[in-house]
Amino acid sequence: MKAKKIISLLCVVAMSAGLLAGCGNKTDGGEGGAGGAGGGKSGGTLTLEFFDVAANYQGTQPGWFAKIVKDKFDLELNIIAPQVGGDALYQTRSATGNLGDVLILEAGQFQECVEQGLVKDITADIYNYDSFKTFKQQIDALNNGLPNNDGKIYGIPTEMMNTSPTSYSQDVIYSSPQLRWNLYKEIGSPDIKDLNGLLDALAAMQEKHPQTETGDPIYGASLWPDWDGGDDMIGIANVVQLTTWYGEKIKQSLILKPDGTFIPLTDKKGSYYKILKFWNDAYNRGLVDPDSFSQGWNEACAKMQNGQVLLFWYSWQQGFWNSNDRLKDGSAFIFVPVKDQKYYADADSFFGSGRVWAVGSKVDDEKYKRIMEFLAWYASPEGAMIQHDGIEGFNYEKGSDGRLYQKNDNALMDNLPVPAEYGGGGYQDGNNAINQWIVSANSTNPLTNEPYAKQYWSTYKEEMMTDMKKEWQQKFGAQEPAEYMKKNNVLVISPNVSVALPVDTNDIAVIRNQCKVAVNDWSWRMIKAADDATFDSMWDQMTTELDGLGFQDLMKFDKDKYTIELNAKNAVK
């Protein structure tokens, strides 16, 4: 996932992605209006190939977001999505010399594409747009870090913020254990000591509520395999992301510990083993959805929306359930501490989240102009509000006091019908299929002086000071989850930096891909292991197989690589 998946906060998740088609408008050295492009159109509709590693959907963008883009730019969106079409799309399309017209790439892929001439030089044009001038420091840092670069601009970071590299501005970290508050209270609001205690809590809730009101089974957790390998990860996504519960961060073949040392992913004292064993214990207690081994993202999402899942671990999952009504009646998900945990969190994504936007090198002049106009708007406050807040008049409205007030907070989770004037169809069906942002939802919107993310609006916080929130605050002695972690010294914040890391050699790339397949295959099998002895035996077999594939050489490469990043982080602490 990313997590990546990943996904923005509208109620928090953008579900799809397709091929971007674009016809833009003309500018006079900058954007019109609030830092966005003006309203003129020229040249008719243009279809662009939009290669997008963040996309969860492949095909043409429908619905309300399609209407906005068509009306403003005469664009049609249709994304090429490796998460849907397979990782081989990157290799096969790169081999043709034309990956696409608009590119969203992992950092290593971006560096490769610049070296191979697959990315266009945008130096002469990018700072003609006010929205890009705002993030000049971040854009320059990304491009200056490219090997042998002489000041040229090839890419734009994703998820940039206007805070600082060491700030942490969010109330809820990316990954932490979250439970339904009413069900947690129903089992006595126990203090949870460790992962076994978390399983006890889930089992108690499942025993009281084995089915939804409509008769569907309820599970402690529902997993999905189709994010495995995303974000350049080794290991299955639903394990990798939970290793941060113990202050550790997976760095491909290595685990970075809170003390700044690296250990192998295969170390039994590390968090990958710990979390994988957690899922194995959960499976053997009947707490894991049996469809977890084969279901896709969409099927898992449907179960979250239907109330069939008792444990969330991504912050954005709340967007599938936590409507205002559920926050008010106490049935919403919220962080519940596990006492032996210390949580890793990346600082504000000041320099970006790691992925990169770029323009394909084969675009002609007219196509290139329209791409830049669209991207400049996408990075503007007007564009960011549409991405993160939705449709004015449908998702929110401006009050007489100048503040923004949320409407139809359940639009995403219930796929509410959108009025024809906004494009019609279901809201979720028409949600922004690109599924990746230039400006983070947690950045401050200069038009409101509050973050784009709705849960940080003053109006929303006032409305959501519910009995549930007050009960949570009284029990845990903090206003918000991140504040609890800071007060109790259980939050490990990693600074945001912009550094260019070495790209895999051909030999290392082969080893890495083979190790990914092996770790993923063994991990899913180990979740089903019948007992501890079988689990450990399978772990040892996995380790032996990895060593035979060259895992030791991979770890040496990764240690040299991520030490560069670690040194940069230490320099800004």
Protein backbone atom coordinates (compact mmCIF):
# COMPACT_ATOMS: atom_id res chain seq x y z
CA MET A 1 0.00 0.00 0.00
CA LYS A 2 0.93 1.57 0.10
CA ALA A 3 -0.18 1.76 1.82
CA LYS A 4 -0.02 2.60 -0.19
CA LYS A 5 -1.76 2.83 -0.71
CA ILE A 6 -2.64 4.92 -0.36
CA ILE A 7 -5.14 7.07 -0.07
CA SER A 8 -6.34 10.52 0.97
CA LEU A 9 -8.66 11.86 3.59
CA LEU A 10 -11.98 12.83 2.19
CA CYS A 11 -13.42 10.54 4.58
CA VAL A 12 -10.15 9.32 3.61
CA VAL A 13 -9.72 7.01 0.68
CA ALA A 14 -9.46 7.50 -3.03
CA MET A 15 -10.34 4.18 -4.61
CA SER A 16 -9.20 4.12 -8.18
CA ALA A 17 -6.94 5.21 -10.96
CA GLY A 18 -6.88 5.23 -14.81
CA LEU A 19 -5.14 6.84 -17.85
CA LEU A 20 -5.11 10.62 -17.75
CA ALA A 21 -6.33 12.43 -20.80
CA GLY A 22 -5.87 16.09 -20.98
CA CYS A 23 -6.75 19.26 -22.62
CA GLY A 24 -5.79 22.26 -20.55
CA ASN A 25 -6.26 25.96 -20.63
CA LYS A 26 -3.87 28.75 -21.36
CA THR A 27 -1.94 30.67 -18.74
CA ASP A 28 0.01 33.88 -18.77
CA GLY A 29 3.05 32.78 -16.84
CA GLY A 30 1.03 31.48 -13.89
CA GLU A 31 -2.31 30.15 -12.74
CA GLY A 32 -5.49 32.11 -12.68
CA GLY A 33 -7.79 32.34 -9.66
CA ALA A 34 -6.54 30.77 -6.43
CA GLY A 35 -3.25 29.52 -7.80
CA GLY A 36 -4.96 27.22 -10.30
CA ALA A 37 -5.17 27.34 -14.06
CA GLY A 38 -7.62 29.62 -15.79
CA GLY A 39 -10.80 28.43 -17.43
CA GLY A 40 -9.96 28.64 -21.13
CA LYS A 41 -9.56 25.56 -23.34
CA SER A 42 -7.67 25.07 -26.57
CA GLY A 43 -7.10 22.33 -29.08
CA GLY A 44 -9.81 19.84 -28.16
CA THR A 45 -9.73 16.76 -25.98
CA LEU A 46 -6.38 15.01 -25.59
CA THR A 47 -5.97 11.54 -24.15
CA LEU A 48 -2.84 11.00 -22.08
CA GLU A 49 -1.36 7.74 -20.91
CA PHE A 50 -1.10 8.09 -17.15
CA PHE A 51 1.26 5.48 -15.65
CA ASP A 52 0.35 5.43 -11.96
CA VAL A 53 1.89 3.15 -9.31
CA ALA A 54 -0.60 4.48 -6.74
CA ALA A 55 -3.70 3.42 -8.63
CA ASN A 56 -6.06 0.73 -7.36
CA TYR A 57 -8.23 0.82 -10.50
CA GLN A 58 -7.34 0.66 -14.17
CA GLY A 59 -9.56 2.30 -16.72
CA THR A 60 -11.36 5.50 -17.57
CA GLN A 61 -12.26 7.92 -14.78
CA PRO A 62 -16.04 8.17 -14.38
CA GLY A 63 -18.41 10.41 -12.49
CA TRP A 64 -18.03 13.70 -10.67
CA PHE A 65 -14.24 14.01 -10.77
CA ALA A 66 -14.29 13.25 -14.49
CA LYS A 67 -16.79 16.08 -14.97
CA ILE A 68 -14.66 18.58 -13.06
CA VAL A 69 -11.58 17.74 -15.09
CA LYS A 70 -13.51 17.65 -18.39
CA ASP A 71 -15.22 20.98 -17.74
CA LYS A 72 -12.06 22.73 -16.60
CA PHE A 73 -9.46 21.22 -18.91
CA ASP A 74 -11.29 19.07 -21.47
CA LEU A 75 -9.40 16.12 -19.98
CA GLU A 76 -10.38 12.48 -19.82
CA LEU A 77 -8.69 10.24 -17.25
CA ASN A 78 -7.69 6.67 -17.96
CA ILE A 79 -4.86 5.27 -15.84
CA ILE A 80 -2.40 2.43 -16.38
CA ALA A 81 -2.16 0.80 -12.95
CA PRO A 82 0.63 -1.69 -12.11
CA GLN A 83 -1.24 -2.62 -8.91
CA VAL A 84 -4.00 -3.91 -11.18
CA GLY A 85 -2.17 -4.90 -14.34
CA GLY A 86 0.91 -6.34 -12.64
CA ASP A 87 4.43 -5.17 -11.86
CA ALA A 88 5.62 -6.31 -15.29
CA LEU A 89 3.90 -3.27 -16.79
CA TYR A 90 6.82 -1.12 -15.67
CA GLN A 91 9.42 -3.30 -17.34
CA THR A 92 7.49 -3.92 -20.55
CA ARG A 93 6.52 -0.29 -21.09
CA SER A 94 9.98 1.00 -20.16
CA ALA A 95 11.47 -1.33 -22.73
CA THR A 96 9.47 0.40 -25.47
CA GLY A 97 11.08 3.74 -24.57
CA ASN A 98 7.72 5.28 -23.67
CA LEU A 99 6.39 4.55 -20.19
CA GLY A 100 3.53 7.03 -20.55
CA ASP A 101 2.64 10.71 -20.80
CA VAL A 102 2.15 11.46 -17.10
CA LEU A 103 4.03 9.29 -14.61
CA ILE A 104 3.66 8.58 -10.90
CA LEU A 105 6.65 6.48 -9.92
CA GLU A 106 8.42 5.03 -6.91
CA ALA A 107 11.61 6.95 -6.11
CA GLY A 108 13.93 4.28 -7.51
CA GLN A 109 11.89 3.99 -10.69
CA PHE A 110 12.04 7.76 -11.14
CA GLN A 111 15.82 7.77 -10.92
CA GLU A 112 16.00 4.90 -13.42
CA CYS A 113 13.66 6.68 -15.81
CA VAL A 114 15.69 9.89 -15.72
CA GLU A 115 18.85 7.92 -16.49
CA GLN A 116 17.11 6.06 -19.33
CA GLY A 117 15.69 9.23 -20.91
CA LEU A 118 12.07 8.33 -20.18
CA VAL A 119 11.35 11.57 -18.27
CA LYS A 120 11.05 15.07 -19.73
CA ASP A 121 13.10 18.03 -18.51
CA ILE A 122 10.56 20.56 -17.14
CA THR A 123 13.08 23.12 -15.85
CA ALA A 124 12.09 25.95 -18.17
CA ASP A 125 8.41 25.87 -17.29
CA ILE A 126 7.74 24.62 -13.78
CA TYR A 127 8.33 27.85 -11.87
CA ASN A 128 6.10 29.81 -14.22
CA TYR A 129 3.31 28.45 -12.05
CA ASP A 130 2.60 29.91 -8.60
CA SER A 131 1.55 26.56 -7.14
CA PHE A 132 4.96 25.07 -7.89
CA LYS A 133 6.82 28.17 -6.66
CA THR A 134 5.24 27.49 -3.25
CA PHE A 135 7.12 24.19 -3.05
CA LYS A 136 10.35 25.23 -4.79
CA GLN A 137 12.56 24.13 -1.88
CA GLN A 138 11.09 20.64 -1.93
CA ILE A 139 11.11 20.27 -5.72
CA ASP A 140 14.70 21.49 -5.96
CA ALA A 141 15.81 19.13 -3.18
CA LEU A 142 14.37 16.12 -4.99
CA ASN A 143 16.02 16.95 -8.29
CA ASN A 144 19.35 18.15 -6.89
CA GLY A 145 19.68 14.75 -5.27
CA LEU A 146 19.71 12.96 -8.63
CA PRO A 147 23.14 11.59 -9.58
CA ASN A 148 25.08 13.86 -11.95
CA ASN A 149 22.22 16.33 -12.19
CA ASP A 150 23.22 19.84 -13.27
CA GLY A 151 20.30 21.77 -11.84
CA LYS A 152 17.57 20.44 -14.12
CA ILE A 153 14.05 19.65 -12.90
CA TYR A 154 12.60 16.29 -13.88
CA GLY A 155 10.12 15.45 -11.12
CA ILE A 156 7.71 16.75 -8.51
CA PRO A 157 7.42 15.05 -5.09
CA THR A 158 4.12 13.58 -3.95
CA GLU A 159 2.34 14.64 -0.73
CA MET A 160 4.46 17.73 0.00
CA MET A 161 3.68 19.82 3.08
CA ASN A 162 4.20 23.43 4.11
CA THR A 163 5.35 22.74 7.70
CA SER A 164 8.89 21.47 8.44
CA PRO A 165 10.91 18.23 8.08
CA THR A 166 10.70 17.46 11.82
CA SER A 167 7.09 18.48 12.54
CA TYR A 168 4.38 15.96 13.33
CA SER A 169 1.01 17.61 12.74
CA GLN A 170 -1.47 14.75 12.67
CA ASP A 171 -3.76 13.58 15.46
CA VAL A 172 -3.64 9.94 14.38
CA ILE A 173 -0.52 8.19 13.10
CA TYR A 174 -0.55 6.12 9.92
CA SER A 175 -0.66 2.71 11.62
CA SER A 176 -1.91 1.89 15.11
CA PRO A 177 -4.49 -0.53 16.62
CA GLN A 178 -8.03 0.85 16.34
CA LEU A 179 -11.18 -0.70 17.82
CA ARG A 180 -14.91 0.03 17.75
CA TRP A 181 -15.42 2.11 20.90
CA ASN A 182 -18.87 0.76 21.79
CA LEU A 183 -17.71 -2.85 21.46
CA TYR A 184 -14.53 -2.12 23.41
CA LYS A 185 -16.67 -0.64 26.22
CA GLU A 186 -19.02 -3.62 26.04
CA ILE A 187 -16.18 -6.00 26.97
CA GLY A 188 -15.18 -3.78 29.91
CA SER A 189 -12.70 -1.35 28.29
CA PRO A 190 -9.74 -3.54 29.29
CA ASP A 191 -6.19 -2.25 29.45
CA ILE A 192 -4.43 -4.20 26.72
CA LYS A 193 -0.99 -5.39 27.75
CA ASP A 194 0.37 -6.90 24.52
CA LEU A 195 -0.62 -8.56 21.25
CA ASN A 196 -2.08 -11.56 23.06
CA GLY A 197 -4.25 -9.15 25.03
CA LEU A 198 -5.34 -7.53 21.77
CA LEU A 199 -6.39 -10.94 20.46
CA ASP A 200 -8.29 -11.57 23.70
CA ALA A 201 -10.18 -8.31 23.20
CA LEU A 202 -10.99 -9.16 19.58
CA ALA A 203 -12.14 -12.64 20.56
CA ALA A 204 -14.41 -11.24 23.27
CA MET A 205 -15.97 -8.78 20.82
CA GLN A 206 -16.39 -11.45 18.16
CA GLU A 207 -18.04 -13.77 20.67
CA LYS A 208 -20.60 -11.12 21.56
CA HIS A 209 -21.09 -10.09 17.91
CA PRO A 210 -20.47 -13.01 15.55
CA GLN A 211 -22.68 -11.51 12.84
CA THR A 212 -23.84 -8.16 11.56
CA GLU A 213 -27.50 -7.20 11.75
CA THR A 214 -27.90 -8.53 8.21
CA GLY A 215 -26.34 -11.90 9.08
CA ASP A 216 -22.87 -11.44 7.58
CA PRO A 217 -19.98 -12.94 9.60
CA ILE A 218 -17.81 -10.61 11.68
CA TYR A 219 -14.05 -11.16 11.82
CA GLY A 220 -11.32 -9.90 14.09
CA ALA A 221 -9.43 -8.81 10.97
CA SER A 222 -9.71 -9.08 7.21
CA LEU A 223 -6.48 -9.05 5.17
CA TRP A 224 -5.77 -8.75 1.45
CA PRO A 225 -2.71 -9.77 -0.61
CA ASP A 226 -2.85 -7.47 -3.64
CA TRP A 227 -0.82 -4.68 -2.03
CA ASP A 228 2.13 -7.00 -1.40
CA GLY A 229 5.27 -5.69 -3.07
CA GLY A 230 3.98 -2.10 -3.28
CA ASP A 231 6.16 0.74 -2.01
CA ASP A 232 9.18 -1.45 -2.87
CA MET A 233 8.45 -3.56 0.21
CA ILE A 234 9.71 -7.05 0.93
CA GLY A 235 7.09 -8.92 2.90
CA ILE A 236 3.31 -8.85 2.88
CA ALA A 237 1.77 -5.41 3.32
CA ASN A 238 -0.51 -6.34 6.21
CA VAL A 239 2.57 -7.36 8.20
CA VAL A 240 5.07 -4.74 7.05
CA GLN A 241 2.83 -1.82 8.03
CA LEU A 242 2.17 -3.22 11.52
CA THR A 243 5.86 -3.60 12.36
CA THR A 244 5.80 0.13 13.14
CA TRP A 245 3.78 -0.74 16.28
CA TYR A 246 7.11 -1.67 17.84
CA GLY A 247 9.10 1.36 16.74
CA GLU A 248 10.67 -0.48 13.84
CA LYS A 249 10.61 0.29 10.13
CA ILE A 250 11.08 -2.26 7.37
CA LYS A 251 13.76 -1.15 4.90
CA GLN A 252 13.37 -3.88 2.30
CA SER A 253 15.62 -6.76 3.47
CA LEU A 254 16.39 -5.00 6.77
CA ILE A 255 14.59 -3.70 9.83
CA LEU A 256 15.61 -0.31 11.19
CA LYS A 257 15.34 -0.33 14.98
CA PRO A 258 14.61 2.74 17.14
CA ASP A 259 18.28 2.89 18.24
CA GLY A 260 19.39 3.40 14.62
CA THR A 261 20.74 -0.11 14.05
CA PHE A 262 19.76 -2.52 11.29
CA ILE A 263 18.83 -6.18 11.72
CA PRO A 264 17.81 -8.72 9.04
CA LEU A 265 14.14 -8.98 8.11
CA THR A 266 14.57 -12.67 8.99
CA ASP A 267 15.70 -12.04 12.59
CA LYS A 268 13.29 -13.80 14.94
CA LYS A 269 13.77 -10.99 17.45
CA GLY A 270 12.48 -8.48 14.90
CA SER A 271 9.03 -7.11 14.33
CA TYR A 272 8.31 -8.91 11.03
CA TYR A 273 8.45 -12.23 12.87
CA LYS A 274 6.44 -10.78 15.76
CA ILE A 275 3.59 -9.43 13.62
CA LEU A 276 3.48 -12.48 11.35
CA LYS A 277 3.18 -14.66 14.46
CA PHE A 278 0.40 -12.35 15.68
CA TRP A 279 -1.60 -13.08 12.52
CA ASN A 280 -0.87 -16.79 12.87
CA ASP A 281 -2.19 -16.75 16.45
CA ALA A 282 -5.22 -14.77 15.28
CA TYR A 283 -5.87 -17.30 12.50
CA ASN A 284 -5.68 -20.24 14.88
CA ARG A 285 -8.16 -18.51 17.19
CA GLY A 286 -10.63 -18.08 14.32
CA LEU A 287 -10.21 -14.31 14.17
CA VAL A 288 -8.93 -13.95 10.59
CA ASP A 289 -11.34 -13.71 7.67
CA PRO A 290 -10.81 -16.94 5.68
CA ASP A 291 -11.06 -14.94 2.45
CA SER A 292 -7.94 -12.98 3.45
CA PHE A 293 -5.63 -15.20 1.40
CA SER A 294 -7.31 -14.58 -1.95
CA GLN A 295 -9.60 -11.56 -1.75
CA GLY A 296 -8.78 -8.28 -3.44
CA TRP A 297 -8.77 -4.76 -2.07
CA ASN A 298 -12.36 -4.08 -3.13
CA GLU A 299 -13.69 -7.13 -1.31
CA ALA A 300 -11.80 -6.18 1.86
CA CYS A 301 -13.15 -2.63 1.65
CA ALA A 302 -16.72 -3.88 1.34
CA LYS A 303 -16.32 -5.81 4.60
CA MET A 304 -14.97 -2.71 6.37
CA GLN A 305 -17.97 -0.76 5.15
CA ASN A 306 -20.39 -3.50 6.20
CA GLY A 307 -19.15 -3.60 9.80
CA GLN A 308 -17.62 -7.06 9.40
CA VAL A 309 -14.16 -6.11 10.73
CA LEU A 310 -13.25 -5.49 14.38
CA LEU A 311 -9.65 -4.26 14.01
CA PHE A 312 -8.41 -1.43 11.81
CA TRP A 313 -4.71 -0.55 11.62
CA TYR A 314 -4.45 2.12 8.91
CA SER A 315 -5.67 5.62 9.81
CA TRP A 316 -7.52 5.93 6.51
CA GLN A 317 -9.59 2.80 7.16
CA GLN A 318 -11.71 4.91 9.49
CA GLY A 319 -13.08 6.59 6.38
CA PHE A 320 -14.97 3.41 5.53
CA TRP A 321 -16.88 3.42 8.82
CA ASN A 322 -16.52 6.56 10.97
CA SER A 323 -19.46 8.68 9.90
CA ASN A 324 -20.47 11.63 12.06
CA ASP A 325 -23.46 9.64 13.31
CA ARG A 326 -21.20 6.79 14.45
CA LEU A 327 -18.84 9.19 16.16
CA LYS A 328 -21.84 10.60 17.99
CA ASP A 329 -23.37 7.25 18.96
CA GLY A 330 -19.99 5.83 20.01
CA SER A 331 -19.73 3.04 17.43
CA ALA A 332 -16.77 4.55 15.58
CA PHE A 333 -13.20 3.22 15.47
CA ILE A 334 -10.53 4.91 17.59
CA PHE A 335 -6.96 4.17 18.71
CA VAL A 336 -6.68 1.92 21.76
CA PRO A 337 -3.15 1.65 23.23
CA VAL A 338 -1.35 -1.65 23.59
CA LYS A 339 0.96 -1.20 26.55
CA ASP A 340 4.09 -2.89 25.21
CA GLN A 341 4.06 -0.93 21.95
CA LYS A 342 6.16 2.06 20.86
CA TYR A 343 4.92 3.56 17.62
CA TYR A 344 7.03 4.62 14.65
CA ALA A 345 5.74 7.54 12.59
CA ASP A 346 7.27 9.46 9.72
CA ALA A 347 7.36 13.22 10.31
CA ASP A 348 5.29 15.55 8.15
CA SER A 349 6.02 14.82 4.50
CA PHE A 350 7.64 18.23 3.97
CA PHE A 351 9.88 16.93 1.18
CA GLY A 352 7.24 14.47 -0.03
CA SER A 353 6.21 10.91 0.67
CA GLY A 354 8.73 9.18 -1.60
CA ARG A 355 6.86 8.83 -4.87
CA VAL A 356 7.40 11.25 -7.74
CA TRP A 357 5.29 12.90 -10.47
CA ALA A 358 6.95 13.29 -13.86
CA VAL A 359 6.18 13.90 -17.52
CA GLY A 360 7.02 11.31 -20.14
CA SER A 361 9.82 12.24 -22.51
CA LYS A 362 7.86 11.42 -25.68
CA VAL A 363 5.06 13.98 -25.25
CA ASP A 364 4.74 16.59 -27.96
CA ASP A 365 4.65 20.32 -27.26
CA GLU A 366 0.86 20.69 -27.13
CA LYS A 367 0.42 17.67 -24.90
CA TYR A 368 3.25 18.85 -22.62
CA LYS A 369 1.67 22.28 -22.20
CA ARG A 370 -1.65 20.79 -21.19
CA ILE A 371 -0.05 18.38 -18.76
CA MET A 372 1.78 21.22 -16.99
CA GLU A 373 -1.41 23.29 -16.76
CA PHE A 374 -3.28 20.38 -15.24
CA LEU A 375 -0.51 19.56 -12.77
CA ALA A 376 -0.20 23.22 -11.74
CA TRP A 377 -3.92 23.27 -10.97
CA TYR A 378 -3.67 19.92 -9.20
CA ALA A 379 -1.01 21.45 -6.90
CA SER A 380 -3.02 24.64 -6.28
CA PRO A 381 -5.33 25.26 -3.30
CA GLU A 382 -8.34 24.97 -5.60
CA GLY A 383 -7.18 21.60 -6.92
CA ALA A 384 -6.14 20.34 -3.50
CA MET A 385 -9.54 21.20 -2.03
CA ILE A 386 -11.28 19.14 -4.70
CA GLN A 387 -8.92 16.21 -4.10
CA HIS A 388 -9.13 16.28 -0.31
CA ASP A 389 -12.49 17.91 0.43
CA GLY A 390 -14.66 17.02 -2.54
CA ILE A 391 -17.42 19.07 -4.11
CA GLU A 392 -18.43 22.41 -2.63
CA GLY A 393 -22.17 22.29 -2.03
CA PHE A 394 -22.19 18.51 -1.77
CA ASN A 395 -19.30 17.57 0.56
CA TYR A 396 -18.95 20.90 2.32
CA GLU A 397 -20.18 24.48 2.36
CA LYS A 398 -18.77 27.80 3.52
CA GLY A 399 -20.56 29.34 6.50
CA SER A 400 -21.29 33.00 7.16
CA ASP A 401 -18.28 32.99 9.50
CA GLY A 402 -16.02 32.05 6.59
CA ARG A 403 -15.30 28.59 7.95
CA LEU A 404 -15.98 25.33 6.10
CA TYR A 405 -18.69 22.95 7.31
CA GLN A 406 -18.86 19.29 6.30
CA LYS A 407 -21.90 17.82 4.51
CA ASN A 408 -22.73 14.25 3.50
CA ASP A 409 -19.86 12.85 5.53
CA ASN A 410 -20.94 9.34 4.51
CA ALA A 411 -20.65 10.06 0.78
CA LEU A 412 -17.64 7.82 0.30
CA MET A 413 -18.57 4.90 2.54
CA ASP A 414 -22.18 4.74 1.32
CA ASN A 415 -21.43 5.69 -2.28
CA LEU A 416 -24.11 8.38 -2.10
CA PRO A 417 -25.71 9.41 -5.38
CA VAL A 418 -24.22 12.64 -6.71
CA PRO A 419 -26.61 15.24 -8.16
CA ALA A 420 -26.53 15.47 -11.95
CA GLU A 421 -25.21 19.03 -11.79
CA TYR A 422 -22.01 17.65 -10.25
CA GLY A 423 -21.68 14.71 -12.62
CA GLY A 424 -24.15 12.10 -11.31
CA GLY A 425 -23.37 8.51 -10.43
CA GLY A 426 -22.20 7.22 -7.06
CA TYR A 427 -19.77 9.37 -5.10
CA GLN A 428 -17.25 6.57 -4.48
CA ASP A 429 -17.55 5.43 -8.10
CA GLY A 430 -16.59 8.90 -9.29
CA ASN A 431 -13.89 9.57 -6.70
CA ASN A 432 -10.51 10.81 -7.93
CA ALA A 433 -9.02 7.77 -9.65
CA ILE A 434 -5.47 9.14 -9.69
CA ASN A 435 -5.19 8.23 -6.00
CA GLN A 436 -2.07 10.33 -5.46
CA TRP A 437 -1.59 13.95 -4.47
CA ILE A 438 1.04 16.63 -4.99
CA VAL A 439 -0.02 18.51 -1.84
CA SER A 440 -0.73 16.53 1.33
CA ALA A 441 -4.17 16.73 2.95
CA ASN A 442 -2.41 17.78 6.15
CA SER A 443 -0.90 20.91 4.58
CA THR A 444 -2.39 24.23 5.58
CA ASN A 445 -4.85 25.57 3.01
CA PRO A 446 -3.98 29.26 2.47
CA LEU A 447 -7.63 29.95 1.62
CA THR A 448 -8.84 28.84 5.07
CA ASN A 449 -5.68 28.81 7.25
CA GLU A 450 -6.66 25.28 8.32
CA PRO A 451 -5.52 21.91 6.92
CA TYR A 452 -7.27 20.56 3.86
CA ALA A 453 -8.11 17.40 5.83
CA LYS A 454 -11.64 17.78 7.19
CA GLN A 455 -10.96 16.13 10.52
CA TYR A 456 -8.71 19.10 11.39
CA TRP A 457 -11.24 21.80 10.56
CA SER A 458 -12.26 23.77 13.66
CA THR A 459 -15.92 23.26 12.76
CA TYR A 460 -15.47 19.50 12.55
CA LYS A 461 -13.60 19.30 15.86
CA GLU A 462 -16.32 21.30 17.57
CA GLU A 463 -19.03 19.05 16.16
CA MET A 464 -17.14 15.87 17.00
CA MET A 465 -16.52 16.62 20.68
CA THR A 466 -18.90 13.75 21.35
CA ASP A 467 -19.47 11.62 24.43
CA MET A 468 -17.26 8.98 22.82
CA LYS A 469 -14.38 11.42 22.43
CA LYS A 470 -14.80 12.69 25.98
CA GLU A 471 -14.83 9.14 27.34
CA TRP A 472 -11.68 8.33 25.37
CA GLN A 473 -9.94 11.48 26.64
CA GLN A 474 -10.86 10.70 30.23
CA LYS A 475 -9.63 7.10 30.04
CA PHE A 476 -6.35 7.81 28.30
CA GLY A 477 -5.53 11.30 29.59
CA ALA A 478 -4.96 13.02 26.27
CA GLN A 479 -6.89 15.03 23.72
CA GLU A 480 -5.83 12.98 20.69
CA PRO A 481 -4.06 9.66 19.98
CA ALA A 482 -0.78 11.27 18.88
CA GLU A 483 -0.82 13.44 22.00
CA TYR A 484 -1.24 10.30 24.13
CA MET A 485 1.80 8.79 22.42
CA LYS A 486 3.90 11.90 22.93
CA LYS A 487 2.87 12.26 26.60
CA ASN A 488 3.71 8.62 27.29
CA ASN A 489 6.97 8.67 25.32
CA VAL A 490 5.80 5.96 22.93
CA LEU A 491 6.08 7.87 19.65
CA VAL A 492 9.22 7.54 17.53
CA ILE A 493 9.19 10.34 14.92
CA SER A 494 11.47 9.91 11.91
CA PRO A 495 12.42 13.20 10.16
CA ASN A 496 11.43 13.74 6.54
CA VAL A 497 14.42 14.07 4.20
CA SER A 498 15.08 14.24 0.49
CA VAL A 499 18.00 12.05 -0.55
CA ALA A 500 18.77 10.09 -3.69
CA LEU A 501 19.43 6.44 -2.88
CA PRO A 502 21.32 3.97 -5.07
CA VAL A 503 19.27 2.09 -7.66
CA ASP A 504 19.48 -1.69 -7.76
CA THR A 505 22.08 -3.18 -10.05
CA ASN A 506 20.76 -5.82 -12.42
CA ASP A 507 22.03 -8.60 -10.16
CA ILE A 508 20.52 -7.05 -7.03
CA ALA A 509 17.21 -6.47 -8.85
CA VAL A 510 16.99 -10.17 -9.69
CA ILE A 511 17.81 -11.18 -6.11
CA ARG A 512 15.30 -8.69 -4.68
CA ASN A 513 12.45 -9.86 -6.90
CA GLN A 514 13.10 -13.51 -6.09
CA CYS A 515 13.28 -12.75 -2.36
CA LYS A 516 10.02 -10.78 -2.51
CA VAL A 517 8.22 -13.73 -4.03
CA ALA A 518 9.68 -16.13 -1.48
CA VAL A 519 8.91 -13.99 1.58
CA ASN A 520 5.35 -13.33 0.43
CA ASP A 521 4.68 -16.98 -0.34
CA TRP A 522 6.09 -18.24 2.96
CA SER A 523 4.39 -15.49 4.97
CA TRP A 524 0.88 -16.32 3.78
CA ARG A 525 1.56 -20.00 4.41
CA MET A 526 2.89 -19.28 7.90
CA ILE A 527 -0.28 -17.43 8.86
CA LYS A 528 -2.03 -20.79 8.45
CA ALA A 529 0.61 -22.78 10.39
CA ALA A 530 -1.12 -25.23 12.73
CA ASP A 531 1.11 -24.59 15.75
CA ASP A 532 4.21 -22.75 16.98
CA ALA A 533 6.60 -25.55 16.02
CA THR A 534 5.29 -25.62 12.46
CA PHE A 535 5.48 -21.83 12.24
CA ASP A 536 9.11 -21.78 13.36
CA SER A 537 10.04 -24.63 11.05
CA MET A 538 8.55 -22.77 8.09
CA TRP A 539 10.36 -19.58 9.12
CA ASP A 540 13.66 -21.46 9.16
CA GLN A 541 12.92 -22.96 5.74
CA MET A 542 12.16 -19.49 4.41
CA THR A 543 15.44 -18.15 5.79
CA THR A 544 17.41 -21.01 4.20
CA GLU A 545 15.70 -20.44 0.84
CA LEU A 546 16.41 -16.70 0.99
CA ASP A 547 20.09 -17.28 1.71
CA GLY A 548 20.20 -19.53 -1.34
CA LEU A 549 18.76 -16.70 -3.42
CA GLY A 550 21.45 -14.23 -2.35
CA PHE A 551 19.72 -12.58 0.61
CA GLN A 552 23.04 -11.84 2.34
CA ASP A 553 24.23 -9.83 -0.67
CA LEU A 554 20.90 -8.02 -0.74
CA MET A 555 21.18 -7.07 2.93
CA LYS A 556 24.67 -5.64 2.38
CA PHE A 557 23.39 -3.55 -0.53
CA ASP A 558 20.39 -2.34 1.47
CA LYS A 559 22.47 -1.49 4.53
CA ASP A 560 24.78 0.73 2.47
CA LYS A 561 21.75 2.26 0.77
CA TYR A 562 19.66 3.04 3.83
CA THR A 563 22.60 4.23 5.89
CA ILE A 564 22.67 7.22 3.53
CA GLU A 565 19.05 7.98 4.42
CA LEU A 566 19.63 7.35 8.12
CA ASN A 567 22.59 9.75 8.20
CA ALA A 568 20.46 12.43 6.52
CA LYS A 569 17.70 11.94 9.11
CA ASN A 570 20.18 12.11 11.98
CA ALA A 571 21.55 15.36 10.58
CA VAL A 572 18.21 17.17 10.98
CA LYS A 573 17.17 15.78 14.38
